[in-house]
Amino acid sequence: RGKEKIKRLSKIEDGKLYVVGDNKS
């Protein structure tokens, strides 16, 4: 949404990326 985010790549599914923060809460 127009902003940069920094996250960890958790899964790659069909060429798309699932990203999560290390501090999930």
PDB file of all heavy atoms in Angstrom:
ATOM      1  N   ARG A   1       0.822  -1.225   0.000  1.00  0.00           N
ATOM      2  CA  ARG A   1       0.000   0.000   0.000  1.00  0.00           C
ATOM      3  C   ARG A   1       0.848   1.264   0.000  1.00  0.00           C
ATOM      4  O   ARG A   1       0.607   2.199   0.756  1.00  0.00           O
ATOM      5  CB  ARG A   1      -0.962   0.006   1.160  1.00  0.00           C
ATOM      6  CG  ARG A   1      -1.987  -1.105   1.064  1.00  0.00           C
ATOM      7  CD  ARG A   1      -3.008  -1.011   2.130  1.00  0.00           C
ATOM      8  NE  ARG A   1      -3.937  -2.119   1.972  1.00  0.00           N
ATOM      9  CZ  ARG A   1      -4.974  -2.303   2.752  1.00  0.00           C
ATOM     10  NH1 ARG A   1      -5.216  -1.470   3.726  1.00  0.00           N
ATOM     11  NH2 ARG A   1      -5.752  -3.332   2.557  1.00  0.00           N
ATOM     12  N   GLY A   2       1.880   1.267  -0.835  1.00  0.00           N
ATOM     13  CA  GLY A   2       2.720   2.445  -1.013  1.00  0.00           C
ATOM     14  C   GLY A   2       3.787   2.662   0.043  1.00  0.00           C
ATOM     15  O   GLY A   2       4.521   3.634  -0.021  1.00  0.00           O
ATOM     16  N   LYS A   3       3.877   1.773   1.025  1.00  0.00           N
ATOM     17  CA  LYS A   3       4.899   1.896   2.066  1.00  0.00           C
ATOM     18  C   LYS A   3       5.818   0.687   2.037  1.00  0.00           C
ATOM     19  O   LYS A   3       5.396  -0.417   1.701  1.00  0.00           O
ATOM     20  CB  LYS A   3       4.249   1.974   3.456  1.00  0.00           C
ATOM     21  CG  LYS A   3       3.454   3.229   3.680  1.00  0.00           C
ATOM     22  CD  LYS A   3       2.949   3.287   5.099  1.00  0.00           C
ATOM     23  CE  LYS A   3       2.190   4.578   5.337  1.00  0.00           C
ATOM     24  NZ  LYS A   3       1.752   4.706   6.711  1.00  0.00           N
ATOM     25  N   GLU A   4       7.071   0.913   2.406  1.00  0.00           N
ATOM     26  CA  GLU A   4       8.003  -0.198   2.518  1.00  0.00           C
ATOM     27  C   GLU A   4       7.838  -0.888   3.867  1.00  0.00           C
ATOM     28  O   GLU A   4       7.662  -0.230   4.889  1.00  0.00           O
ATOM     29  CB  GLU A   4       9.445   0.288   2.376  1.00  0.00           C
ATOM     30  CG  GLU A   4       9.805   0.658   0.971  1.00  0.00           C
ATOM     31  CD  GLU A   4      11.269   1.019   0.803  1.00  0.00           C
ATOM     32  OE1 GLU A   4      11.979   1.224   1.813  1.00  0.00           O
ATOM     33  OE2 GLU A   4      11.696   1.106  -0.346  1.00  0.00           O
ATOM     34  N   LYS A   5       7.885  -2.202   3.836  1.00  0.00           N
ATOM     35  CA  LYS A   5       7.827  -3.009   5.054  1.00  0.00           C
ATOM     36  C   LYS A   5       9.003  -3.975   5.038  1.00  0.00           C
ATOM     37  O   LYS A   5       9.507  -4.327   3.976  1.00  0.00           O
ATOM     38  CB  LYS A   5       6.524  -3.796   5.127  1.00  0.00           C
ATOM     39  CG  LYS A   5       5.296  -2.914   5.295  1.00  0.00           C
ATOM     40  CD  LYS A   5       4.081  -3.732   5.627  1.00  0.00           C
ATOM     41  CE  LYS A   5       2.911  -2.869   5.989  1.00  0.00           C
ATOM     42  NZ  LYS A   5       2.888  -2.457   7.375  1.00  0.00           N
ATOM     43  N   ILE A   6       9.416  -4.404   6.219  1.00  0.00           N
ATOM     44  CA  ILE A   6      10.498  -5.370   6.361  1.00  0.00           C
ATOM     45  C   ILE A   6       9.963  -6.547   7.157  1.00  0.00           C
ATOM     46  O   ILE A   6       9.531  -6.381   8.297  1.00  0.00           O
ATOM     47  CB  ILE A   6      11.719  -4.739   7.057  1.00  0.00           C
ATOM     48  CG1 ILE A   6      12.261  -3.580   6.211  1.00  0.00           C
ATOM     49  CG2 ILE A   6      12.806  -5.799   7.296  1.00  0.00           C
ATOM     50  CD1 ILE A   6      13.399  -2.811   6.840  1.00  0.00           C
ATOM     51  N   LYS A   7       9.959  -7.728   6.525  1.00  0.00           N
ATOM     52  CA  LYS A   7       9.422  -8.939   7.151  1.00  0.00           C
ATOM     53  C   LYS A   7      10.263 -10.147   6.706  1.00  0.00           C
ATOM     54  O   LYS A   7      11.038 -10.083   5.771  1.00  0.00           O
ATOM     55  CB  LYS A   7       7.967  -9.193   6.735  1.00  0.00           C
ATOM     56  CG  LYS A   7       7.016  -8.047   6.984  1.00  0.00           C
ATOM     57  CD  LYS A   7       6.766  -7.792   8.440  1.00  0.00           C
ATOM     58  CE  LYS A   7       5.808  -6.619   8.611  1.00  0.00           C
ATOM     59  NZ  LYS A   7       5.821  -6.085   9.940  1.00  0.00           N
ATOM     60  N   ARG A   8      10.012 -11.260   7.385  1.00  0.00           N
ATOM     61  CA  ARG A   8      10.691 -12.513   7.062  1.00  0.00           C
ATOM     62  C   ARG A   8       9.825 -13.333   6.103  1.00  0.00           C
ATOM     63  O   ARG A   8       8.621 -13.460   6.284  1.00  0.00           O
ATOM     64  CB  ARG A   8      10.953 -13.320   8.338  1.00  0.00           C
ATOM     65  CG  ARG A   8      11.807 -14.547   8.089  1.00  0.00           C
ATOM     66  CD  ARG A   8      12.207 -15.226   9.370  1.00  0.00           C
ATOM     67  NE  ARG A   8      12.922 -14.345  10.283  1.00  0.00           N
ATOM     68  CZ  ARG A   8      14.221 -14.062  10.213  1.00  0.00           C
ATOM     69  NH1 ARG A   8      14.956 -14.575   9.255  1.00  0.00           N
ATOM     70  NH2 ARG A   8      14.774 -13.254  11.110  1.00  0.00           N
ATOM     71  N   LEU A   9      10.469 -13.887   5.095  1.00  0.00           N
ATOM     72  CA  LEU A   9       9.788 -14.738   4.131  1.00  0.00           C
ATOM     73  C   LEU A   9       9.536 -16.097   4.788  1.00  0.00           C
ATOM     74  O   LEU A   9      10.478 -16.799   5.158  1.00  0.00           O
ATOM     75  CB  LEU A   9      10.640 -14.875   2.867  1.00  0.00           C
ATOM     76  CG  LEU A   9      10.120 -15.764   1.760  1.00  0.00           C
ATOM     77  CD1 LEU A   9       8.714 -15.398   1.347  1.00  0.00           C
ATOM     78  CD2 LEU A   9      11.061 -15.685   0.569  1.00  0.00           C
ATOM     79  N   SER A  10       8.268 -16.452   4.924  1.00  0.00           N
ATOM     80  CA  SER A  10       7.888 -17.676   5.619  1.00  0.00           C
ATOM     81  C   SER A  10       7.566 -18.820   4.656  1.00  0.00           C
ATOM     82  O   SER A  10       7.908 -19.963   4.906  1.00  0.00           O
ATOM     83  CB  SER A  10       6.686 -17.401   6.523  1.00  0.00           C
ATOM     84  OG  SER A  10       6.262 -18.563   7.172  1.00  0.00           O
ATOM     85  N   LYS A  11       6.880 -18.492   3.550  1.00  0.00           N
ATOM     86  CA  LYS A  11       6.489 -19.508   2.565  1.00  0.00           C
ATOM     87  C   LYS A  11       6.509 -18.900   1.171  1.00  0.00           C
ATOM     88  O   LYS A  11       6.266 -17.704   0.998  1.00  0.00           O
ATOM     89  CB  LYS A  11       5.065 -19.999   2.817  1.00  0.00           C
ATOM     90  CG  LYS A  11       4.827 -20.752   4.070  1.00  0.00           C
ATOM     91  CD  LYS A  11       3.380 -21.234   4.105  1.00  0.00           C
ATOM     92  CE  LYS A  11       2.818 -21.086   5.494  1.00  0.00           C
ATOM     93  NZ  LYS A  11       1.397 -21.300   5.575  1.00  0.00           N
ATOM     94  N   ILE A  12       6.757 -19.754   0.199  1.00  0.00           N
ATOM     95  CA  ILE A  12       6.609 -19.369  -1.205  1.00  0.00           C
ATOM     96  C   ILE A  12       5.578 -20.317  -1.799  1.00  0.00           C
ATOM     97  O   ILE A  12       5.769 -21.531  -1.795  1.00  0.00           O
ATOM     98  CB  ILE A  12       7.949 -19.462  -1.964  1.00  0.00           C
ATOM     99  CG1 ILE A  12       9.000 -18.586  -1.290  1.00  0.00           C
ATOM    100  CG2 ILE A  12       7.758 -19.072  -3.429  1.00  0.00           C
ATOM    101  CD1 ILE A  12      10.400 -18.733  -1.853  1.00  0.00           C
ATOM    102  N   GLU A  13       4.469 -19.761  -2.271  1.00  0.00           N
ATOM    103  CA  GLU A  13       3.371 -20.553  -2.815  1.00  0.00           C
ATOM    104  C   GLU A  13       3.009 -20.050  -4.199  1.00  0.00           C
ATOM    105  O   GLU A  13       2.536 -18.932  -4.342  1.00  0.00           O
ATOM    106  CB  GLU A  13       2.139 -20.458  -1.908  1.00  0.00           C
ATOM    107  CG  GLU A  13       2.345 -20.980  -0.511  1.00  0.00           C
ATOM    108  CD  GLU A  13       1.097 -20.827   0.355  1.00  0.00           C
ATOM    109  OE1 GLU A  13       0.051 -20.369  -0.149  1.00  0.00           O
ATOM    110  OE2 GLU A  13       1.186 -21.162   1.543  1.00  0.00           O
ATOM    111  N   ASP A  14       3.242 -20.877  -5.210  1.00  0.00           N
ATOM    112  CA  ASP A  14       2.888 -20.528  -6.595  1.00  0.00           C
ATOM    113  C   ASP A  14       3.437 -19.165  -7.007  1.00  0.00           C
ATOM    114  O   ASP A  14       2.732 -18.359  -7.621  1.00  0.00           O
ATOM    115  CB  ASP A  14       1.369 -20.559  -6.787  1.00  0.00           C
ATOM    116  CG  ASP A  14       0.779 -21.933  -6.517  1.00  0.00           C
ATOM    117  OD1 ASP A  14       1.434 -22.930  -6.879  1.00  0.00           O
ATOM    118  OD2 ASP A  14      -0.324 -22.003  -5.938  1.00  0.00           O
ATOM    119  N   GLY A  15       4.693 -18.894  -6.641  1.00  0.00           N
ATOM    120  CA  GLY A  15       5.333 -17.640  -7.020  1.00  0.00           C
ATOM    121  C   GLY A  15       4.932 -16.444  -6.184  1.00  0.00           C
ATOM    122  O   GLY A  15       5.359 -15.330  -6.460  1.00  0.00           O
ATOM    123  N   LYS A  16       4.110 -16.647  -5.180  1.00  0.00           N
ATOM    124  CA  LYS A  16       3.728 -15.561  -4.274  1.00  0.00           C
ATOM    125  C   LYS A  16       4.368 -15.814  -2.918  1.00  0.00           C
ATOM    126  O   LYS A  16       4.709 -16.932  -2.576  1.00  0.00           O
ATOM    127  CB  LYS A  16       2.217 -15.472  -4.158  1.00  0.00           C
ATOM    128  CG  LYS A  16       1.584 -15.105  -5.493  1.00  0.00           C
ATOM    129  CD  LYS A  16       0.190 -14.637  -5.301  1.00  0.00           C
ATOM    130  CE  LYS A  16      -0.399 -14.272  -6.648  1.00  0.00           C
ATOM    131  NZ  LYS A  16      -0.883 -12.926  -6.671  1.00  0.00           N
ATOM    132  N   LEU A  17       4.517 -14.742  -2.150  1.00  0.00           N
ATOM    133  CA  LEU A  17       5.270 -14.805  -0.903  1.00  0.00           C
ATOM    134  C   LEU A  17       4.377 -14.569   0.311  1.00  0.00           C
ATOM    135  O   LEU A  17       3.537 -13.662   0.313  1.00  0.00           O
ATOM    136  CB  LEU A  17       6.380 -13.752  -0.921  1.00  0.00           C
ATOM    137  CG  LEU A  17       7.287 -13.742  -2.145  1.00  0.00           C
ATOM    138  CD1 LEU A  17       8.265 -12.579  -2.067  1.00  0.00           C
ATOM    139  CD2 LEU A  17       8.012 -15.060  -2.300  1.00  0.00           C
ATOM    140  N   TYR A  18       4.595 -15.387   1.333  1.00  0.00           N
ATOM    141  CA  TYR A  18       3.923 -15.229   2.622  1.00  0.00           C
ATOM    142  C   TYR A  18       4.974 -14.710   3.583  1.00  0.00           C
ATOM    143  O   TYR A  18       5.989 -15.368   3.819  1.00  0.00           O
ATOM    144  CB  TYR A  18       3.366 -16.573   3.086  1.00  0.00           C
ATOM    145  CG  TYR A  18       2.488 -16.497   4.303  1.00  0.00           C
ATOM    146  CD1 TYR A  18       1.123 -16.287   4.181  1.00  0.00           C
ATOM    147  CD2 TYR A  18       3.019 -16.655   5.576  1.00  0.00           C
ATOM    148  CE1 TYR A  18       0.295 -16.223   5.306  1.00  0.00           C
ATOM    149  CE2 TYR A  18       2.209 -16.595   6.701  1.00  0.00           C
ATOM    150  CZ  TYR A  18       0.850 -16.380   6.555  1.00  0.00           C
ATOM    151  OH  TYR A  18       0.050 -16.324   7.666  1.00  0.00           O
ATOM    152  N   VAL A  19       4.757 -13.514   4.127  1.00  0.00           N
ATOM    153  CA  VAL A  19       5.748 -12.867   4.980  1.00  0.00           C
ATOM    154  C   VAL A  19       5.183 -12.635   6.373  1.00  0.00           C
ATOM    155  O   VAL A  19       3.984 -12.379   6.534  1.00  0.00           O
ATOM    156  CB  VAL A  19       6.230 -11.531   4.377  1.00  0.00           C
ATOM    157  CG1 VAL A  19       6.966 -11.750   3.061  1.00  0.00           C
ATOM    158  CG2 VAL A  19       5.073 -10.567   4.159  1.00  0.00           C
ATOM    159  N   VAL A  20       6.045 -12.751   7.381  1.00  0.00           N
ATOM    160  CA  VAL A  20       5.625 -12.532   8.769  1.00  0.00           C
ATOM    161  C   VAL A  20       6.696 -11.742   9.510  1.00  0.00           C
ATOM    162  O   VAL A  20       7.879 -11.806   9.171  1.00  0.00           O
ATOM    163  CB  VAL A  20       5.361 -13.862   9.515  1.00  0.00           C
ATOM    164  CG1 VAL A  20       4.165 -14.586   8.934  1.00  0.00           C
ATOM    165  CG2 VAL A  20       6.576 -14.747   9.509  1.00  0.00           C
ATOM    166  N   GLY A  21       6.269 -11.032  10.532  1.00  0.00           N
ATOM    167  CA  GLY A  21       7.209 -10.380  11.424  1.00  0.00           C
ATOM    168  C   GLY A  21       7.689 -11.377  12.466  1.00  0.00           C
ATOM    169  O   GLY A  21       6.957 -12.301  12.841  1.00  0.00           O
ATOM    170  N   ASP A  22       8.907 -11.206  12.949  1.00  0.00           N
ATOM    171  CA  ASP A  22       9.428 -12.106  13.977  1.00  0.00           C
ATOM    172  C   ASP A  22       8.676 -11.946  15.290  1.00  0.00           C
ATOM    173  O   ASP A  22       8.586 -12.877  16.079  1.00  0.00           O
ATOM    174  CB  ASP A  22      10.925 -11.857  14.197  1.00  0.00           C
ATOM    175  CG  ASP A  22      11.782 -12.375  13.052  1.00  0.00           C
ATOM    176  OD1 ASP A  22      11.236 -13.021  12.120  1.00  0.00           O
ATOM    177  OD2 ASP A  22      13.007 -12.145  13.086  1.00  0.00           O
ATOM    178  N   ASN A  23       8.134 -10.760  15.533  1.00  0.00           N
ATOM    179  CA  ASN A  23       7.360 -10.478  16.740  1.00  0.00           C
ATOM    180  C   ASN A  23       5.882 -10.472  16.332  1.00  0.00           C
ATOM    181  O   ASN A  23       5.286  -9.424  16.108  1.00  0.00           O
ATOM    182  CB  ASN A  23       7.784  -9.137  17.329  1.00  0.00           C
ATOM    183  CG  ASN A  23       7.101  -8.819  18.633  1.00  0.00           C
ATOM    184  OD1 ASN A  23       6.228  -9.530  19.082  1.00  0.00           O
ATOM    185  ND2 ASN A  23       7.508  -7.719  19.232  1.00  0.00           N
ATOM    186  N   LYS A  24       5.309 -11.649  16.228  1.00  0.00           N
ATOM    187  CA  LYS A  24       3.969 -11.784  15.648  1.00  0.00           C
ATOM    188  C   LYS A  24       2.879 -10.976  16.360  1.00  0.00           C
ATOM    189  O   LYS A  24       1.915 -10.573  15.741  1.00  0.00           O
ATOM    190  CB  LYS A  24       3.601 -13.257  15.564  1.00  0.00           C
ATOM    191  CG  LYS A  24       4.449 -13.992  14.531  1.00  0.00           C
ATOM    192  CD  LYS A  24       4.115 -15.460  14.483  1.00  0.00           C
ATOM    193  CE  LYS A  24       4.886 -16.198  13.436  1.00  0.00           C
ATOM    194  NZ  LYS A  24       6.314 -16.213  13.567  1.00  0.00           N
ATOM    195  N   SER A  25       3.060 -10.726  17.659  1.00  0.00           N
ATOM    196  CA  SER A  25       2.032  -9.966  18.383  1.00  0.00           C
ATOM    197  C   SER A  25       2.072  -8.473  18.053  1.00  0.00           C
ATOM    198  O   SER A  25       1.137  -7.746  18.385  1.00  0.00           O
ATOM    199  CB  SER A  25       2.167 -10.176  19.894  1.00  0.00           C
ATOM    200  OG  SER A  25       3.390  -9.656  20.362  1.00  0.00           O
TER     201      SER A  25
END
